[in-house]
Structures are given as structure tokens and as C-alpha cells.
Amino acid sequence: GLRYTPMMLKNTSEEAFSIWVTLVASLPKIQPDTNLLYVAVTRAMKILAVNSLVIDIMQRFKDMLQRSRP
């Protein structure tokens, strides 16, 4: 797919990308909507700007995964 130097999903979060990559790497299969967000996030080459809603979605997903693990 195409890659872009700046990728804006609004508001900047330095840890958003690393959280997302870690989460996705730990999943055997991801849902289509989760996959779409993953694709959008991974198009950024240098700058990823995300809004608070996207960060909230990522955090909820992370919390859900942590609760599901023994």
C-alpha cells in the first residue's frame, strides 16, 4: 500500500503507534474494522497524529486484551 511521511488521524500521541503495533502483533486474527485502523496507522512513515477518540479506541482494545489473558 501507499505510505505517507505525515499521516494524520488528529492529535499527536508518541506511544499510540507502538501500542497499536504491539496489540496487533499479539492477535492471531483481527476484525475488519480493527484491520482498517491498523492499515491507517501503519501508513505513517515519520509522523502519526491521532485524535483522542482513536487513542481511546486503542486503549479500550488494549484493556480488553489484557482482561482476556490468564
PDB file of N, CA and C in Angstrom:
ATOM      1  N   GLY A   1       0.812  -1.195   0.000  1.00  0.00           N
ATOM      2  CA  GLY A   1       0.000   0.000   0.000  1.00  0.00           C
ATOM      3  C   GLY A   1       0.849   1.249   0.000  1.00  0.00           C
ATOM      4  N   LEU A   2       0.208   2.351  -0.199  1.00  0.00           N
ATOM      5  CA  LEU A   2       0.890   3.641  -0.184  1.00  0.00           C
ATOM      6  C   LEU A   2       1.312   4.002   1.228  1.00  0.00           C
ATOM      7  N   ARG A   3       2.423   4.740   1.323  1.00  0.00           N
ATOM      8  CA  ARG A   3       2.910   5.214   2.620  1.00  0.00           C
ATOM      9  C   ARG A   3       3.114   6.706   2.523  1.00  0.00           C
ATOM     10  N   TYR A   4       2.904   7.386   3.620  1.00  0.00           N
ATOM     11  CA  TYR A   4       2.995   8.841   3.645  1.00  0.00           C
ATOM     12  C   TYR A   4       3.871   9.281   4.798  1.00  0.00           C
ATOM     13  N   THR A   5       4.670  10.339   4.576  1.00  0.00           N
ATOM     14  CA  THR A   5       5.512  10.857   5.645  1.00  0.00           C
ATOM     15  C   THR A   5       4.654  11.372   6.790  1.00  0.00           C
ATOM     16  N   PRO A   6       3.735  12.311   6.558  1.00  0.00           N
ATOM     17  CA  PRO A   6       2.807  12.647   7.644  1.00  0.00           C
ATOM     18  C   PRO A   6       1.503  11.875   7.451  1.00  0.00           C
ATOM     19  N   MET A   7       0.993  11.286   8.513  1.00  0.00           N
ATOM     20  CA  MET A   7      -0.302  10.607   8.464  1.00  0.00           C
ATOM     21  C   MET A   7      -1.108  11.157   9.611  1.00  0.00           C
ATOM     22  N   MET A   8      -2.221  11.799   9.339  1.00  0.00           N
ATOM     23  CA  MET A   8      -2.968  12.452  10.393  1.00  0.00           C
ATOM     24  C   MET A   8      -4.294  11.763  10.654  1.00  0.00           C
ATOM     25  N   LEU A   9      -4.456  11.308  11.880  1.00  0.00           N
ATOM     26  CA  LEU A   9      -5.731  10.838  12.373  1.00  0.00           C
ATOM     27  C   LEU A   9      -6.148  11.776  13.515  1.00  0.00           C
ATOM     28  N   LYS A  10      -5.481  12.907  13.622  1.00  0.00           N
ATOM     29  CA  LYS A  10      -5.672  14.028  14.557  1.00  0.00           C
ATOM     30  C   LYS A  10      -5.011  13.795  15.912  1.00  0.00           C
ATOM     31  N   ASN A  11      -4.576  14.889  16.561  1.00  0.00           N
ATOM     32  CA  ASN A  11      -3.856  14.935  17.841  1.00  0.00           C
ATOM     33  C   ASN A  11      -2.665  13.966  17.868  1.00  0.00           C
ATOM     34  N   THR A  12      -1.563  14.383  18.435  1.00  0.00           N
ATOM     35  CA  THR A  12      -0.351  13.574  18.432  1.00  0.00           C
ATOM     36  C   THR A  12      -0.223  12.741  19.704  1.00  0.00           C
ATOM     37  N   SER A  13       0.173  11.509  19.551  1.00  0.00           N
ATOM     38  CA  SER A  13       0.477  10.638  20.677  1.00  0.00           C
ATOM     39  C   SER A  13       1.693   9.811  20.300  1.00  0.00           C
ATOM     40  N   GLU A  14       2.784   9.989  21.045  1.00  0.00           N
ATOM     41  CA  GLU A  14       4.024   9.281  20.722  1.00  0.00           C
ATOM     42  C   GLU A  14       3.897   7.775  20.916  1.00  0.00           C
ATOM     43  N   GLU A  15       3.122   7.356  21.917  1.00  0.00           N
ATOM     44  CA  GLU A  15       3.055   5.925  22.178  1.00  0.00           C
ATOM     45  C   GLU A  15       1.936   5.218  21.427  1.00  0.00           C
ATOM     46  N   ALA A  16       1.078   5.956  20.737  1.00  0.00           N
ATOM     47  CA  ALA A  16      -0.060   5.337  20.050  1.00  0.00           C
ATOM     48  C   ALA A  16       0.382   4.280  19.045  1.00  0.00           C
ATOM     49  N   PHE A  17       1.376   4.592  18.239  1.00  0.00           N
ATOM     50  CA  PHE A  17       1.826   3.647  17.221  1.00  0.00           C
ATOM     51  C   PHE A  17       2.398   2.387  17.848  1.00  0.00           C
ATOM     52  N   SER A  18       3.265   2.548  18.841  1.00  0.00           N
ATOM     53  CA  SER A  18       3.884   1.368  19.452  1.00  0.00           C
ATOM     54  C   SER A  18       2.851   0.505  20.167  1.00  0.00           C
ATOM     55  N   ILE A  19       1.861   1.140  20.803  1.00  0.00           N
ATOM     56  CA  ILE A  19       0.793   0.374  21.451  1.00  0.00           C
ATOM     57  C   ILE A  19       0.044  -0.433  20.406  1.00  0.00           C
ATOM     58  N   TRP A  20      -0.298   0.230  19.305  1.00  0.00           N
ATOM     59  CA  TRP A  20      -1.094  -0.428  18.267  1.00  0.00           C
ATOM     60  C   TRP A  20      -0.346  -1.593  17.633  1.00  0.00           C
ATOM     61  N   VAL A  21       0.908  -1.391  17.292  1.00  0.00           N
ATOM     62  CA  VAL A  21       1.692  -2.458  16.671  1.00  0.00           C
ATOM     63  C   VAL A  21       1.819  -3.642  17.626  1.00  0.00           C
ATOM     64  N   THR A  22       2.041  -3.373  18.903  1.00  0.00           N
ATOM     65  CA  THR A  22       2.144  -4.439  19.896  1.00  0.00           C
ATOM     66  C   THR A  22       0.840  -5.218  20.001  1.00  0.00           C
ATOM     67  N   LEU A  23      -0.273  -4.495  20.024  1.00  0.00           N
ATOM     68  CA  LEU A  23      -1.576  -5.149  20.120  1.00  0.00           C
ATOM     69  C   LEU A  23      -1.855  -6.028  18.918  1.00  0.00           C
ATOM     70  N   VAL A  24      -1.644  -5.488  17.752  1.00  0.00           N
ATOM     71  CA  VAL A  24      -1.950  -6.234  16.531  1.00  0.00           C
ATOM     72  C   VAL A  24      -1.040  -7.444  16.395  1.00  0.00           C
ATOM     73  N   ALA A  25       0.213  -7.300  16.771  1.00  0.00           N
ATOM     74  CA  ALA A  25       1.153  -8.414  16.676  1.00  0.00           C
ATOM     75  C   ALA A  25       0.752  -9.567  17.595  1.00  0.00           C
ATOM     76  N   SER A  26       0.018  -9.257  18.656  1.00  0.00           N
ATOM     77  CA  SER A  26      -0.368 -10.295  19.609  1.00  0.00           C
ATOM     78  C   SER A  26      -1.661 -11.005  19.230  1.00  0.00           C
ATOM     79  N   LEU A  27      -2.299 -10.572  18.165  1.00  0.00           N
ATOM     80  CA  LEU A  27      -3.571 -11.169  17.761  1.00  0.00           C
ATOM     81  C   LEU A  27      -3.392 -12.156  16.617  1.00  0.00           C
ATOM     82  N   PRO A  28      -3.998 -13.332  16.736  1.00  0.00           N
ATOM     83  CA  PRO A  28      -3.922 -14.277  15.618  1.00  0.00           C
ATOM     84  C   PRO A  28      -4.762 -13.813  14.430  1.00  0.00           C
ATOM     85  N   LYS A  29      -5.888 -13.181  14.706  1.00  0.00           N
ATOM     86  CA  LYS A  29      -6.782 -12.702  13.655  1.00  0.00           C
ATOM     87  C   LYS A  29      -7.456 -11.424  14.145  1.00  0.00           C
ATOM     88  N   ILE A  30      -7.502 -10.401  13.302  1.00  0.00           N
ATOM     89  CA  ILE A  30      -8.136  -9.151  13.708  1.00  0.00           C
ATOM     90  C   ILE A  30      -9.395  -8.900  12.902  1.00  0.00           C
ATOM     91  N   GLN A  31     -10.347  -8.235  13.524  1.00  0.00           N
ATOM     92  CA  GLN A  31     -11.618  -7.921  12.885  1.00  0.00           C
ATOM     93  C   GLN A  31     -11.401  -6.914  11.758  1.00  0.00           C
ATOM     94  N   PRO A  32     -12.305  -6.881  10.771  1.00  0.00           N
ATOM     95  CA  PRO A  32     -12.150  -5.955   9.635  1.00  0.00           C
ATOM     96  C   PRO A  32     -12.015  -4.487  10.038  1.00  0.00           C
ATOM     97  N   ASP A  33     -12.802  -4.018  11.027  1.00  0.00           N
ATOM     98  CA  ASP A  33     -12.694  -2.622  11.431  1.00  0.00           C
ATOM     99  C   ASP A  33     -11.381  -2.347  12.140  1.00  0.00           C
ATOM    100  N   THR A  34     -10.922  -3.313  12.930  1.00  0.00           N
ATOM    101  CA  THR A  34      -9.629  -3.188  13.597  1.00  0.00           C
ATOM    102  C   THR A  34      -8.515  -3.204  12.555  1.00  0.00           C
ATOM    103  N   ASN A  35      -8.661  -4.048  11.556  1.00  0.00           N
ATOM    104  CA  ASN A  35      -7.678  -4.126  10.483  1.00  0.00           C
ATOM    105  C   ASN A  35      -7.596  -2.805   9.723  1.00  0.00           C
ATOM    106  N   LEU A  36      -8.739  -2.175   9.483  1.00  0.00           N
ATOM    107  CA  LEU A  36      -8.758  -0.894   8.786  1.00  0.00           C
ATOM    108  C   LEU A  36      -7.987   0.163   9.571  1.00  0.00           C
ATOM    109  N   LEU A  37      -8.192   0.211  10.880  1.00  0.00           N
ATOM    110  CA  LEU A  37      -7.462   1.171  11.708  1.00  0.00           C
ATOM    111  C   LEU A  37      -5.969   0.850  11.698  1.00  0.00           C
ATOM    112  N   TYR A  38      -5.628  -0.433  11.764  1.00  0.00           N
ATOM    113  CA  TYR A  38      -4.224  -0.848  11.705  1.00  0.00           C
ATOM    114  C   TYR A  38      -3.570  -0.374  10.407  1.00  0.00           C
ATOM    115  N   VAL A  39      -4.257  -0.569   9.288  1.00  0.00           N
ATOM    116  CA  VAL A  39      -3.727  -0.144   7.992  1.00  0.00           C
ATOM    117  C   VAL A  39      -3.520   1.365   7.979  1.00  0.00           C
ATOM    118  N   ALA A  40      -4.489   2.116   8.478  1.00  0.00           N
ATOM    119  CA  ALA A  40      -4.366   3.579   8.510  1.00  0.00           C
ATOM    120  C   ALA A  40      -3.169   4.009   9.355  1.00  0.00           C
ATOM    121  N   VAL A  41      -3.014   3.396  10.518  1.00  0.00           N
ATOM    122  CA  VAL A  41      -1.925   3.759  11.429  1.00  0.00           C
ATOM    123  C   VAL A  41      -0.566   3.406  10.837  1.00  0.00           C
ATOM    124  N   THR A  42      -0.459   2.276  10.168  1.00  0.00           N
ATOM    125  CA  THR A  42       0.835   1.837   9.655  1.00  0.00           C
ATOM    126  C   THR A  42       1.234   2.501   8.343  1.00  0.00           C
ATOM    127  N   ARG A  43       0.430   3.389   7.812  1.00  0.00           N
ATOM    128  CA  ARG A  43       0.810   4.133   6.606  1.00  0.00           C
ATOM    129  C   ARG A  43       1.761   5.282   6.931  1.00  0.00           C
ATOM    130  N   ALA A  44       1.829   5.667   8.174  1.00  0.00           N
ATOM    131  CA  ALA A  44       2.714   6.768   8.568  1.00  0.00           C
ATOM    132  C   ALA A  44       4.169   6.314   8.524  1.00  0.00           C
ATOM    133  N   MET A  45       5.031   7.126   7.899  1.00  0.00           N
ATOM    134  CA  MET A  45       6.455   6.797   7.835  1.00  0.00           C
ATOM    135  C   MET A  45       7.241   7.513   8.928  1.00  0.00           C
ATOM    136  N   LYS A  46       6.899   8.760   9.236  1.00  0.00           N
ATOM    137  CA  LYS A  46       7.636   9.531  10.235  1.00  0.00           C
ATOM    138  C   LYS A  46       6.732  10.140  11.295  1.00  0.00           C
ATOM    139  N   ILE A  47       5.579  10.624  10.907  1.00  0.00           N
ATOM    140  CA  ILE A  47       4.694  11.319  11.836  1.00  0.00           C
ATOM    141  C   ILE A  47       3.333  10.641  11.838  1.00  0.00           C
ATOM    142  N   LEU A  48       2.838  10.335  13.018  1.00  0.00           N
ATOM    143  CA  LEU A  48       1.488   9.808  13.158  1.00  0.00           C
ATOM    144  C   LEU A  48       0.748  10.705  14.134  1.00  0.00           C
ATOM    145  N   ALA A  49      -0.275  11.343  13.664  1.00  0.00           N
ATOM    146  CA  ALA A  49      -1.089  12.211  14.520  1.00  0.00           C
ATOM    147  C   ALA A  49      -2.472  11.590  14.627  1.00  0.00           C
ATOM    148  N   VAL A  50      -2.878  11.290  15.848  1.00  0.00           N
ATOM    149  CA  VAL A  50      -4.185  10.673  16.061  1.00  0.00           C
ATOM    150  C   VAL A  50      -5.013  11.516  17.020  1.00  0.00           C
ATOM    151  N   ASN A  51      -6.338  11.431  16.897  1.00  0.00           N
ATOM    152  CA  ASN A  51      -7.179  12.197  17.810  1.00  0.00           C
ATOM    153  C   ASN A  51      -7.475  11.401  19.071  1.00  0.00           C
ATOM    154  N   SER A  52      -8.078  12.065  20.035  1.00  0.00           N
ATOM    155  CA  SER A  52      -8.327  11.422  21.324  1.00  0.00           C
ATOM    156  C   SER A  52      -9.293  10.246  21.200  1.00  0.00           C
ATOM    157  N   LEU A  53     -10.195  10.282  20.247  1.00  0.00           N
ATOM    158  CA  LEU A  53     -11.117   9.168  20.038  1.00  0.00           C
ATOM    159  C   LEU A  53     -10.361   7.915  19.600  1.00  0.00           C
ATOM    160  N   VAL A  54      -9.427   8.076  18.675  1.00  0.00           N
ATOM    161  CA  VAL A  54      -8.631   6.937  18.211  1.00  0.00           C
ATOM    162  C   VAL A  54      -7.790   6.383  19.360  1.00  0.00           C
ATOM    163  N   ILE A  55      -7.207   7.264  20.150  1.00  0.00           N
ATOM    164  CA  ILE A  55      -6.413   6.820  21.302  1.00  0.00           C
ATOM    165  C   ILE A  55      -7.298   6.053  22.277  1.00  0.00           C
ATOM    166  N   ASP A  56      -8.517   6.544  22.505  1.00  0.00           N
ATOM    167  CA  ASP A  56      -9.454   5.872  23.401  1.00  0.00           C
ATOM    168  C   ASP A  56      -9.813   4.479  22.881  1.00  0.00           C
ATOM    169  N   ILE A  57     -10.059   4.368  21.596  1.00  0.00           N
ATOM    170  CA  ILE A  57     -10.375   3.067  20.991  1.00  0.00           C
ATOM    171  C   ILE A  57      -9.209   2.104  21.179  1.00  0.00           C
ATOM    172  N   MET A  58      -8.001   2.590  20.947  1.00  0.00           N
ATOM    173  CA  MET A  58      -6.819   1.752  21.089  1.00  0.00           C
ATOM    174  C   MET A  58      -6.639   1.310  22.540  1.00  0.00           C
ATOM    175  N   GLN A  59      -6.879   2.228  23.482  1.00  0.00           N
ATOM    176  CA  GLN A  59      -6.730   1.904  24.901  1.00  0.00           C
ATOM    177  C   GLN A  59      -7.778   0.882  25.342  1.00  0.00           C
ATOM    178  N   ARG A  60      -9.012   1.046  24.880  1.00  0.00           N
ATOM    179  CA  ARG A  60     -10.065   0.084  25.225  1.00  0.00           C
ATOM    180  C   ARG A  60      -9.736  -1.302  24.677  1.00  0.00           C
ATOM    181  N   PHE A  61      -9.208  -1.337  23.473  1.00  0.00           N
ATOM    182  CA  PHE A  61      -8.815  -2.601  22.855  1.00  0.00           C
ATOM    183  C   PHE A  61      -7.700  -3.255  23.663  1.00  0.00           C
ATOM    184  N   LYS A  62      -6.733  -2.461  24.075  1.00  0.00           N
ATOM    185  CA  LYS A  62      -5.625  -2.968  24.885  1.00  0.00           C
ATOM    186  C   LYS A  62      -6.151  -3.526  26.207  1.00  0.00           C
ATOM    187  N   ASP A  63      -7.046  -2.778  26.864  1.00  0.00           N
ATOM    188  CA  ASP A  63      -7.624  -3.229  28.132  1.00  0.00           C
ATOM    189  C   ASP A  63      -8.393  -4.535  27.955  1.00  0.00           C
ATOM    190  N   MET A  64      -9.145  -4.637  26.860  1.00  0.00           N
ATOM    191  CA  MET A  64      -9.912  -5.839  26.577  1.00  0.00           C
ATOM    192  C   MET A  64      -8.980  -7.046  26.416  1.00  0.00           C
ATOM    193  N   LEU A  65      -7.879  -6.853  25.716  1.00  0.00           N
ATOM    194  CA  LEU A  65      -6.923  -7.950  25.530  1.00  0.00           C
ATOM    195  C   LEU A  65      -6.301  -8.374  26.850  1.00  0.00           C
ATOM    196  N   GLN A  66      -5.943  -7.404  27.674  1.00  0.00           N
ATOM    197  CA  GLN A  66      -5.319  -7.721  28.954  1.00  0.00           C
ATOM    198  C   GLN A  66      -6.277  -8.485  29.866  1.00  0.00           C
ATOM    199  N   ARG A  67      -7.558  -8.135  29.838  1.00  0.00           N
ATOM    200  CA  ARG A  67      -8.552  -8.839  30.658  1.00  0.00           C
ATOM    201  C   ARG A  67      -8.784 -10.267  30.163  1.00  0.00           C
ATOM    202  N   SER A  68      -8.605 -10.488  28.879  1.00  0.00           N
ATOM    203  CA  SER A  68      -8.873 -11.816  28.315  1.00  0.00           C
ATOM    204  C   SER A  68      -7.717 -12.791  28.504  1.00  0.00           C
ATOM    205  N   ARG A  69      -6.573 -12.293  28.913  1.00  0.00           N
ATOM    206  CA  ARG A  69      -5.409 -13.166  29.123  1.00  0.00           C
ATOM    207  C   ARG A  69      -5.397 -13.690  30.552  1.00  0.00           C
ATOM    208  N   PRO A  70      -4.974 -14.949  30.729  1.00  0.00           N
ATOM    209  CA  PRO A  70      -4.943 -15.537  32.092  1.00  0.00           C
ATOM    210  C   PRO A  70      -3.877 -14.914  32.957  1.00  0.00           C
TER     211      PRO A  70
END
